[in-house]
Amino acid sequence: MGPPCWSRGIPRVFIPEDFHSPESGVNIMKDWSEFEKIQRKKFPEYGEAVFELFWPAGDITVLSREGLLSGPLPDSDLIFITGYNPGRLRPTDLQNQKANQYLQSALQKAELSFYRALGRNQERTHEEPSFAVALETGPQKFQLAYISSLAGSLGQAALFYWDGNARKGRTLWLVTDEES
């Protein structure tokens, strides 16, 4: 069974290191700073989002772009992903639950390490069940590519990346063909 699909294009993730092609010496992507400005204006709530990570032992870590808000510090990089409310769409509760079930199944089949999580606004008036995927050392870009393709197949506009070394988070915007 395929994903409940709301997207119309093939997603790509915004990764600053990909701006330049060393082989050709040519900038292979457009001016992403302008794209990021547009996305931040279109989705201002993403910059204020808070993410709760539910550890198997019962501890809860709370993260934001600015850093660790409470709980144990994660020892690896994490990508937060949800099947809920892709982009500006607002599917029914049942559609959101099915999208998250599909996502959980896909993460399990890929044998990725992940934890239950929750993305929310600071006021807790909006919450979306999510997953925090641990990026293992080594093949991180492969995991990121897989996770971004899952998010794109579900029509998501972005992922949240927790940088374990910098101890900060950032939004990774997804791009469809219509935006490229």
N, C-alpha and C. Protein backbone atom coordinates (compact mmCIF):
# COMPACT_ATOMS: atom_id res chain seq x y z
N MET A 1 0.84 -1.18 0.00
CA MET A 1 0.00 0.00 0.00
C MET A 1 0.89 1.24 0.00
N GLY A 2 0.60 2.17 -0.86
CA GLY A 2 1.37 3.40 -0.95
C GLY A 2 0.91 4.43 0.05
N PRO A 3 1.63 5.56 0.09
CA PRO A 3 1.28 6.60 1.05
C PRO A 3 -0.01 7.30 0.67
N PRO A 4 -0.73 7.82 1.65
CA PRO A 4 -1.83 8.71 1.32
C PRO A 4 -1.15 9.97 0.77
N CYS A 5 -1.31 10.24 -0.49
CA CYS A 5 -0.49 11.25 -1.13
C CYS A 5 -1.27 12.52 -1.43
N TRP A 6 -0.75 13.64 -0.93
CA TRP A 6 -1.36 14.93 -1.20
C TRP A 6 -0.42 15.79 -2.04
N SER A 7 0.83 15.35 -2.25
CA SER A 7 1.77 16.18 -3.00
C SER A 7 1.62 15.93 -4.49
N ARG A 8 2.06 16.90 -5.27
CA ARG A 8 1.97 16.77 -6.72
C ARG A 8 3.33 16.73 -7.37
N GLY A 9 4.40 16.86 -6.64
CA GLY A 9 5.72 16.89 -7.25
C GLY A 9 6.67 15.95 -6.54
N ILE A 10 7.87 15.90 -7.05
CA ILE A 10 8.91 15.07 -6.44
C ILE A 10 9.69 15.96 -5.47
N PRO A 11 9.72 15.61 -4.17
CA PRO A 11 10.34 16.49 -3.20
C PRO A 11 11.86 16.42 -3.23
N ARG A 12 12.45 17.52 -2.89
CA ARG A 12 13.88 17.59 -2.62
C ARG A 12 14.02 18.34 -1.32
N VAL A 13 15.06 18.05 -0.59
CA VAL A 13 15.25 18.72 0.69
C VAL A 13 16.29 19.84 0.52
N PHE A 14 16.10 20.92 1.24
CA PHE A 14 17.01 22.05 1.22
C PHE A 14 18.19 21.73 2.13
N ILE A 15 19.36 21.48 1.55
CA ILE A 15 20.57 21.20 2.30
C ILE A 15 21.64 22.17 1.82
N PRO A 16 22.13 23.07 2.69
CA PRO A 16 23.08 24.08 2.25
C PRO A 16 24.31 23.53 1.54
N GLU A 17 24.81 22.34 1.94
CA GLU A 17 26.00 21.78 1.31
C GLU A 17 25.79 21.45 -0.17
N ASP A 18 24.55 21.32 -0.61
CA ASP A 18 24.25 20.92 -1.98
C ASP A 18 24.20 22.09 -2.96
N PHE A 19 24.50 23.30 -2.51
CA PHE A 19 24.40 24.46 -3.38
C PHE A 19 25.32 24.40 -4.59
N HIS A 20 26.43 23.74 -4.46
CA HIS A 20 27.47 23.86 -5.45
C HIS A 20 27.92 22.48 -5.92
N SER A 21 28.07 22.30 -7.21
CA SER A 21 28.54 21.04 -7.76
C SER A 21 30.05 21.12 -7.96
N PRO A 22 30.85 20.39 -7.17
CA PRO A 22 32.31 20.45 -7.30
C PRO A 22 32.79 19.98 -8.68
N GLU A 23 32.07 19.04 -9.28
CA GLU A 23 32.51 18.50 -10.57
C GLU A 23 32.48 19.57 -11.65
N SER A 24 31.41 20.35 -11.70
CA SER A 24 31.26 21.32 -12.78
C SER A 24 31.65 22.72 -12.37
N GLY A 25 31.74 22.97 -11.05
CA GLY A 25 32.03 24.31 -10.59
C GLY A 25 30.84 25.24 -10.77
N VAL A 26 29.67 24.67 -11.07
CA VAL A 26 28.48 25.48 -11.34
C VAL A 26 27.51 25.38 -10.17
N ASN A 27 26.88 26.48 -9.86
CA ASN A 27 25.84 26.47 -8.85
C ASN A 27 24.65 25.70 -9.42
N ILE A 28 24.35 24.52 -8.83
CA ILE A 28 23.33 23.65 -9.41
C ILE A 28 21.93 23.94 -8.89
N MET A 29 21.81 24.82 -7.91
CA MET A 29 20.49 25.16 -7.40
C MET A 29 20.34 26.67 -7.40
N LYS A 30 19.11 27.12 -7.43
CA LYS A 30 18.83 28.54 -7.44
C LYS A 30 19.17 29.18 -6.10
N ASP A 31 18.93 30.42 -5.97
CA ASP A 31 19.20 31.16 -4.73
C ASP A 31 18.25 30.68 -3.64
N TRP A 32 18.73 29.79 -2.80
CA TRP A 32 17.88 29.18 -1.78
C TRP A 32 17.53 30.13 -0.65
N SER A 33 18.33 31.19 -0.47
CA SER A 33 17.99 32.13 0.60
C SER A 33 16.65 32.80 0.30
N GLU A 34 16.38 33.11 -0.96
CA GLU A 34 15.10 33.68 -1.34
C GLU A 34 13.97 32.66 -1.13
N PHE A 35 14.21 31.42 -1.52
CA PHE A 35 13.22 30.37 -1.32
C PHE A 35 12.91 30.21 0.17
N GLU A 36 13.97 30.20 0.99
CA GLU A 36 13.76 30.04 2.43
C GLU A 36 12.96 31.21 3.00
N LYS A 37 13.21 32.43 2.55
CA LYS A 37 12.43 33.59 3.00
C LYS A 37 10.96 33.42 2.66
N ILE A 38 10.68 32.95 1.45
CA ILE A 38 9.30 32.74 1.02
C ILE A 38 8.64 31.68 1.90
N GLN A 39 9.34 30.58 2.14
CA GLN A 39 8.77 29.50 2.96
C GLN A 39 8.53 29.95 4.39
N ARG A 40 9.47 30.71 4.94
CA ARG A 40 9.29 31.20 6.32
C ARG A 40 8.09 32.13 6.42
N LYS A 41 7.87 32.92 5.36
CA LYS A 41 6.72 33.82 5.35
C LYS A 41 5.42 33.01 5.18
N LYS A 42 5.47 31.97 4.35
CA LYS A 42 4.30 31.14 4.09
C LYS A 42 3.94 30.28 5.31
N PHE A 43 4.97 29.83 6.05
CA PHE A 43 4.77 28.94 7.21
C PHE A 43 5.48 29.50 8.44
N PRO A 44 5.06 30.66 8.96
CA PRO A 44 5.78 31.26 10.10
C PRO A 44 5.75 30.40 11.35
N GLU A 45 4.73 29.57 11.48
CA GLU A 45 4.60 28.72 12.66
C GLU A 45 5.72 27.70 12.77
N TYR A 46 6.35 27.35 11.66
CA TYR A 46 7.43 26.36 11.69
C TYR A 46 8.63 26.87 12.49
N GLY A 47 8.90 28.15 12.42
CA GLY A 47 10.03 28.72 13.15
C GLY A 47 9.83 28.75 14.65
N GLU A 48 8.58 28.70 15.08
CA GLU A 48 8.25 28.75 16.51
C GLU A 48 7.93 27.38 17.09
N ALA A 49 8.00 26.34 16.28
CA ALA A 49 7.59 25.00 16.71
C ALA A 49 8.49 24.47 17.83
N VAL A 50 7.88 23.64 18.65
CA VAL A 50 8.55 22.94 19.74
C VAL A 50 8.34 21.45 19.49
N PHE A 51 9.36 20.65 19.82
CA PHE A 51 9.26 19.21 19.58
C PHE A 51 9.55 18.45 20.86
N GLU A 52 8.63 17.56 21.20
CA GLU A 52 8.79 16.70 22.36
C GLU A 52 9.19 15.32 21.88
N LEU A 53 10.21 14.78 22.49
CA LEU A 53 10.73 13.46 22.17
C LEU A 53 10.48 12.56 23.37
N PHE A 54 9.77 11.45 23.14
CA PHE A 54 9.40 10.53 24.22
C PHE A 54 10.36 9.33 24.21
N TRP A 55 11.26 9.30 25.18
CA TRP A 55 12.23 8.22 25.29
C TRP A 55 11.56 6.97 25.83
N PRO A 56 12.04 5.78 25.44
CA PRO A 56 11.43 4.53 25.92
C PRO A 56 11.39 4.41 27.44
N ALA A 57 12.35 5.00 28.15
CA ALA A 57 12.39 4.89 29.61
C ALA A 57 11.39 5.83 30.29
N GLY A 58 10.71 6.67 29.50
CA GLY A 58 9.70 7.55 30.08
C GLY A 58 10.12 9.01 30.16
N ASP A 59 11.40 9.32 29.94
CA ASP A 59 11.83 10.71 29.94
C ASP A 59 11.29 11.43 28.71
N ILE A 60 11.16 12.75 28.82
CA ILE A 60 10.71 13.57 27.71
C ILE A 60 11.74 14.68 27.50
N THR A 61 12.20 14.82 26.26
CA THR A 61 13.10 15.90 25.87
C THR A 61 12.28 16.90 25.06
N VAL A 62 12.46 18.18 25.34
CA VAL A 62 11.76 19.23 24.61
C VAL A 62 12.81 20.08 23.90
N LEU A 63 12.65 20.20 22.57
CA LEU A 63 13.62 20.90 21.72
C LEU A 63 12.94 21.99 20.90
N SER A 64 13.74 22.98 20.52
CA SER A 64 13.28 24.01 19.59
C SER A 64 14.48 24.43 18.75
N ARG A 65 14.27 25.39 17.86
CA ARG A 65 15.38 25.89 17.05
C ARG A 65 16.50 26.42 17.93
N GLU A 66 16.13 27.06 19.03
CA GLU A 66 17.13 27.68 19.90
C GLU A 66 17.95 26.67 20.70
N GLY A 67 17.42 25.47 20.89
CA GLY A 67 18.17 24.47 21.64
C GLY A 67 17.30 23.62 22.54
N LEU A 68 17.95 22.99 23.50
CA LEU A 68 17.28 22.11 24.46
C LEU A 68 16.49 22.96 25.45
N LEU A 69 15.20 22.68 25.58
CA LEU A 69 14.36 23.41 26.53
C LEU A 69 14.24 22.66 27.85
N SER A 70 14.19 21.32 27.78
CA SER A 70 14.15 20.51 29.00
C SER A 70 14.40 19.05 28.65
N GLY A 71 14.75 18.29 29.69
CA GLY A 71 14.93 16.85 29.52
C GLY A 71 16.35 16.47 29.13
N PRO A 72 16.56 15.16 28.92
CA PRO A 72 17.89 14.66 28.55
C PRO A 72 18.31 15.15 27.16
N LEU A 73 19.57 15.46 27.02
CA LEU A 73 20.11 15.91 25.74
C LEU A 73 20.29 14.71 24.81
N PRO A 74 19.70 14.76 23.60
CA PRO A 74 19.91 13.65 22.65
C PRO A 74 21.38 13.54 22.27
N ASP A 75 21.86 12.29 22.13
CA ASP A 75 23.28 12.10 21.80
C ASP A 75 23.50 11.90 20.31
N SER A 76 22.47 12.07 19.49
CA SER A 76 22.65 11.95 18.05
C SER A 76 21.82 13.02 17.34
N ASP A 77 22.10 13.21 16.06
CA ASP A 77 21.28 14.08 15.24
C ASP A 77 19.93 13.40 15.04
N LEU A 78 18.87 14.20 14.94
CA LEU A 78 17.52 13.68 14.78
C LEU A 78 16.79 14.43 13.68
N ILE A 79 15.91 13.74 13.01
CA ILE A 79 14.98 14.35 12.06
C ILE A 79 13.57 14.07 12.58
N PHE A 80 12.78 15.13 12.74
CA PHE A 80 11.39 14.99 13.18
C PHE A 80 10.50 15.04 11.95
N ILE A 81 9.60 14.08 11.87
CA ILE A 81 8.72 13.94 10.71
C ILE A 81 7.33 13.54 11.19
N THR A 82 6.32 14.01 10.47
CA THR A 82 4.93 13.66 10.77
C THR A 82 4.17 13.40 9.48
N GLY A 83 3.08 12.68 9.59
CA GLY A 83 2.17 12.50 8.48
C GLY A 83 0.99 13.45 8.57
N TYR A 84 0.91 14.18 9.68
CA TYR A 84 -0.23 15.06 9.94
C TYR A 84 -0.16 16.36 9.14
N ASN A 85 -1.31 16.86 8.73
CA ASN A 85 -1.50 18.20 8.17
C ASN A 85 -0.41 18.64 7.21
N PRO A 86 -0.32 18.00 6.05
CA PRO A 86 0.75 18.34 5.11
C PRO A 86 0.59 19.74 4.52
N GLY A 87 1.65 20.54 4.62
CA GLY A 87 1.61 21.89 4.07
C GLY A 87 0.45 22.67 4.65
N ARG A 88 -0.37 23.21 3.78
CA ARG A 88 -1.55 23.98 4.21
C ARG A 88 -2.82 23.14 4.24
N LEU A 89 -2.74 21.86 3.89
CA LEU A 89 -3.93 21.00 3.90
C LEU A 89 -4.30 20.61 5.33
N ARG A 90 -5.56 20.39 5.56
CA ARG A 90 -6.04 19.95 6.86
C ARG A 90 -6.96 18.75 6.67
N PRO A 91 -6.37 17.56 6.48
CA PRO A 91 -7.16 16.34 6.33
C PRO A 91 -7.95 16.03 7.60
N THR A 92 -8.84 15.08 7.51
CA THR A 92 -9.61 14.64 8.67
C THR A 92 -8.68 13.95 9.66
N ASP A 93 -9.16 13.77 10.89
CA ASP A 93 -8.38 13.05 11.90
C ASP A 93 -8.01 11.65 11.41
N LEU A 94 -8.99 10.98 10.80
CA LEU A 94 -8.74 9.63 10.30
C LEU A 94 -7.66 9.62 9.21
N GLN A 95 -7.70 10.57 8.28
CA GLN A 95 -6.67 10.65 7.24
C GLN A 95 -5.30 10.93 7.85
N ASN A 96 -5.24 11.82 8.84
CA ASN A 96 -3.97 12.11 9.52
C ASN A 96 -3.42 10.86 10.22
N GLN A 97 -4.31 10.13 10.91
CA GLN A 97 -3.88 8.92 11.61
C GLN A 97 -3.36 7.88 10.64
N LYS A 98 -4.04 7.71 9.50
CA LYS A 98 -3.59 6.75 8.49
C LYS A 98 -2.25 7.15 7.91
N ALA A 99 -2.06 8.44 7.68
CA ALA A 99 -0.77 8.92 7.15
C ALA A 99 0.35 8.63 8.14
N ASN A 100 0.10 8.84 9.44
CA ASN A 100 1.12 8.56 10.44
C ASN A 100 1.37 7.06 10.60
N GLN A 101 0.32 6.25 10.45
CA GLN A 101 0.50 4.79 10.50
C GLN A 101 1.35 4.33 9.32
N TYR A 102 1.09 4.87 8.15
CA TYR A 102 1.92 4.56 6.98
C TYR A 102 3.37 4.96 7.24
N LEU A 103 3.56 6.14 7.78
CA LEU A 103 4.91 6.64 8.07
C LEU A 103 5.62 5.73 9.07
N GLN A 104 4.96 5.34 10.14
CA GLN A 104 5.56 4.46 11.13
C GLN A 104 5.95 3.12 10.50
N SER A 105 5.07 2.58 9.68
CA SER A 105 5.35 1.32 9.00
C SER A 105 6.57 1.45 8.08
N ALA A 106 6.65 2.54 7.34
CA ALA A 106 7.78 2.76 6.44
C ALA A 106 9.09 2.89 7.21
N LEU A 107 9.07 3.57 8.35
CA LEU A 107 10.28 3.71 9.17
C LEU A 107 10.70 2.36 9.74
N GLN A 108 9.72 1.54 10.15
CA GLN A 108 10.03 0.21 10.67
C GLN A 108 10.62 -0.68 9.57
N LYS A 109 10.02 -0.67 8.38
CA LYS A 109 10.52 -1.48 7.27
C LYS A 109 11.93 -1.08 6.87
N ALA A 110 12.25 0.21 6.99
CA ALA A 110 13.59 0.69 6.66
C ALA A 110 14.59 0.41 7.79
N GLU A 111 14.09 -0.15 8.90
CA GLU A 111 14.90 -0.49 10.07
C GLU A 111 15.65 0.72 10.63
N LEU A 112 14.97 1.86 10.64
CA LEU A 112 15.55 3.07 11.21
C LEU A 112 15.23 3.14 12.70
N SER A 113 16.14 3.71 13.47
CA SER A 113 15.90 3.93 14.89
C SER A 113 15.06 5.19 15.03
N PHE A 114 13.89 5.06 15.65
CA PHE A 114 13.04 6.24 15.82
C PHE A 114 12.27 6.14 17.12
N TYR A 115 11.77 7.31 17.53
CA TYR A 115 11.06 7.44 18.79
C TYR A 115 9.75 8.19 18.54
N ARG A 116 8.78 7.94 19.41
CA ARG A 116 7.55 8.73 19.35
C ARG A 116 7.89 10.17 19.69
N ALA A 117 7.22 11.09 19.04
CA ALA A 117 7.47 12.51 19.28
C ALA A 117 6.18 13.29 19.06
N LEU A 118 6.24 14.55 19.36
CA LEU A 118 5.10 15.44 19.18
C LEU A 118 5.63 16.79 18.73
N GLY A 119 5.12 17.29 17.61
CA GLY A 119 5.41 18.65 17.18
C GLY A 119 4.24 19.52 17.61
N ARG A 120 4.55 20.71 18.15
CA ARG A 120 3.47 21.56 18.65
C ARG A 120 3.89 23.02 18.63
N ASN A 121 2.89 23.89 18.83
CA ASN A 121 3.23 25.29 19.03
C ASN A 121 3.50 25.50 20.52
N GLN A 122 4.04 26.66 20.86
CA GLN A 122 4.42 26.91 22.24
C GLN A 122 3.22 26.95 23.19
N GLU A 123 2.09 27.37 22.67
CA GLU A 123 0.88 27.48 23.51
C GLU A 123 0.15 26.15 23.68
N ARG A 124 0.58 25.13 22.96
CA ARG A 124 -0.06 23.81 22.97
C ARG A 124 -1.48 23.82 22.41
N THR A 125 -1.79 24.79 21.57
CA THR A 125 -3.11 24.82 20.95
C THR A 125 -3.12 24.02 19.65
N HIS A 126 -1.95 23.64 19.17
CA HIS A 126 -1.84 22.81 17.97
C HIS A 126 -0.76 21.76 18.22
N GLU A 127 -1.10 20.50 18.05
CA GLU A 127 -0.17 19.40 18.27
C GLU A 127 -0.29 18.38 17.13
N GLU A 128 0.84 17.82 16.73
CA GLU A 128 0.85 16.79 15.70
C GLU A 128 1.73 15.62 16.13
N PRO A 129 1.14 14.43 16.31
CA PRO A 129 1.96 13.25 16.60
C PRO A 129 3.03 13.09 15.51
N SER A 130 4.25 12.79 15.94
CA SER A 130 5.39 12.75 15.02
C SER A 130 6.32 11.62 15.41
N PHE A 131 7.42 11.54 14.66
CA PHE A 131 8.48 10.59 14.96
C PHE A 131 9.81 11.32 14.90
N ALA A 132 10.72 10.97 15.80
CA ALA A 132 12.08 11.50 15.78
C ALA A 132 12.98 10.36 15.32
N VAL A 133 13.59 10.52 14.17
CA VAL A 133 14.44 9.49 13.58
C VAL A 133 15.89 9.81 13.91
N ALA A 134 16.59 8.86 14.52
CA ALA A 134 18.01 9.05 14.85
C ALA A 134 18.84 8.88 13.58
N LEU A 135 19.66 9.88 13.29
CA LEU A 135 20.57 9.78 12.16
C LEU A 135 21.86 9.15 12.66
N GLU A 136 22.10 7.94 12.23
CA GLU A 136 23.29 7.21 12.66
C GLU A 136 24.52 7.83 12.00
N THR A 137 25.67 7.65 12.60
CA THR A 137 26.89 8.16 11.98
C THR A 137 27.17 7.38 10.71
N GLY A 138 27.74 8.03 9.75
CA GLY A 138 28.05 7.38 8.47
C GLY A 138 27.07 7.74 7.39
N PRO A 139 26.02 6.92 7.22
CA PRO A 139 25.13 7.13 6.07
C PRO A 139 24.02 8.16 6.33
N GLN A 140 24.30 9.23 7.08
CA GLN A 140 23.26 10.19 7.43
C GLN A 140 22.55 10.75 6.20
N LYS A 141 23.29 11.05 5.15
CA LYS A 141 22.63 11.64 3.98
C LYS A 141 21.67 10.66 3.33
N PHE A 142 21.97 9.36 3.37
CA PHE A 142 21.05 8.38 2.82
C PHE A 142 19.77 8.35 3.65
N GLN A 143 19.91 8.37 4.97
CA GLN A 143 18.75 8.39 5.84
C GLN A 143 17.94 9.67 5.61
N LEU A 144 18.63 10.79 5.50
CA LEU A 144 17.95 12.06 5.27
C LEU A 144 17.21 12.04 3.94
N ALA A 145 17.83 11.48 2.91
CA ALA A 145 17.17 11.39 1.60
C ALA A 145 15.92 10.53 1.70
N TYR A 146 16.01 9.40 2.40
CA TYR A 146 14.85 8.52 2.55
C TYR A 146 13.73 9.22 3.32
N ILE A 147 14.09 9.84 4.43
CA ILE A 147 13.09 10.51 5.27
C ILE A 147 12.45 11.67 4.52
N SER A 148 13.25 12.44 3.78
CA SER A 148 12.67 13.56 3.04
C SER A 148 11.76 13.06 1.92
N SER A 149 12.10 11.92 1.31
CA SER A 149 11.20 11.38 0.29
C SER A 149 9.89 10.91 0.90
N LEU A 150 9.95 10.32 2.10
CA LEU A 150 8.71 9.95 2.80
C LEU A 150 7.87 11.18 3.10
N ALA A 151 8.52 12.21 3.64
CA ALA A 151 7.79 13.44 3.97
C ALA A 151 7.18 14.06 2.72
N GLY A 152 7.93 14.06 1.64
CA GLY A 152 7.41 14.62 0.39
C GLY A 152 6.26 13.81 -0.16
N SER A 153 6.32 12.48 -0.03
CA SER A 153 5.22 11.64 -0.53
C SER A 153 3.95 11.90 0.25
N LEU A 154 4.10 12.39 1.48
CA LEU A 154 2.94 12.74 2.31
C LEU A 154 2.54 14.20 2.16
N GLY A 155 3.27 14.95 1.33
CA GLY A 155 2.94 16.35 1.07
C GLY A 155 3.45 17.34 2.10
N GLN A 156 4.39 16.91 2.94
CA GLN A 156 4.89 17.81 3.97
C GLN A 156 5.73 18.95 3.37
N ALA A 157 5.71 20.09 4.02
CA ALA A 157 6.46 21.27 3.56
C ALA A 157 7.87 21.30 4.14
N ALA A 158 8.08 20.61 5.27
CA ALA A 158 9.38 20.72 5.93
C ALA A 158 9.59 19.58 6.92
N LEU A 159 10.83 19.45 7.34
CA LEU A 159 11.25 18.55 8.42
C LEU A 159 11.94 19.42 9.47
N PHE A 160 12.05 18.91 10.68
CA PHE A 160 12.84 19.59 11.71
C PHE A 160 14.09 18.76 11.96
N TYR A 161 15.23 19.41 11.89
CA TYR A 161 16.53 18.75 12.08
C TYR A 161 17.14 19.21 13.40
N TRP A 162 17.45 18.27 14.27
CA TRP A 162 18.16 18.57 15.51
C TRP A 162 19.62 18.22 15.31
N ASP A 163 20.49 19.22 15.40
CA ASP A 163 21.93 19.04 15.25
C ASP A 163 22.51 18.77 16.63
N GLY A 164 22.90 17.52 16.88
CA GLY A 164 23.42 17.13 18.18
C GLY A 164 24.71 17.82 18.57
N ASN A 165 25.55 18.16 17.60
CA ASN A 165 26.81 18.86 17.91
C ASN A 165 26.57 20.32 18.24
N ALA A 166 25.78 21.00 17.43
CA ALA A 166 25.50 22.42 17.66
C ALA A 166 24.47 22.62 18.77
N ARG A 167 23.73 21.54 19.09
CA ARG A 167 22.67 21.61 20.11
C ARG A 167 21.61 22.65 19.76
N LYS A 168 21.29 22.68 18.48
CA LYS A 168 20.25 23.58 17.97
C LYS A 168 19.47 22.85 16.90
N GLY A 169 18.29 23.38 16.60
CA GLY A 169 17.47 22.80 15.55
C GLY A 169 17.34 23.76 14.38
N ARG A 170 16.88 23.22 13.26
CA ARG A 170 16.59 24.07 12.10
C ARG A 170 15.55 23.39 11.22
N THR A 171 14.89 24.22 10.45
CA THR A 171 13.88 23.73 9.52
C THR A 171 14.56 23.34 8.22
N LEU A 172 14.26 22.15 7.73
CA LEU A 172 14.71 21.72 6.41
C LEU A 172 13.48 21.76 5.50
N TRP A 173 13.47 22.72 4.59
CA TRP A 173 12.31 22.90 3.71
C TRP A 173 12.33 21.89 2.58
N LEU A 174 11.18 21.34 2.27
CA LEU A 174 11.04 20.44 1.14
C LEU A 174 10.54 21.23 -0.06
N VAL A 175 11.01 20.84 -1.23
CA VAL A 175 10.68 21.56 -2.45
C VAL A 175 10.04 20.59 -3.43
N THR A 176 8.93 20.98 -4.03
CA THR A 176 8.33 20.16 -5.07
C THR A 176 8.76 20.71 -6.43
N ASP A 177 8.53 19.94 -7.48
CA ASP A 177 8.89 20.38 -8.82
C ASP A 177 8.25 21.71 -9.17
N GLU A 178 7.04 21.95 -8.69
CA GLU A 178 6.37 23.20 -9.03
C GLU A 178 7.05 24.40 -8.39
N GLU A 179 7.85 24.20 -7.34
CA GLU A 179 8.55 25.31 -6.68
C GLU A 179 9.97 25.46 -7.17
N SER A 180 10.50 24.49 -7.92
CA SER A 180 11.90 24.55 -8.34
C SER A 180 12.07 25.30 -9.63
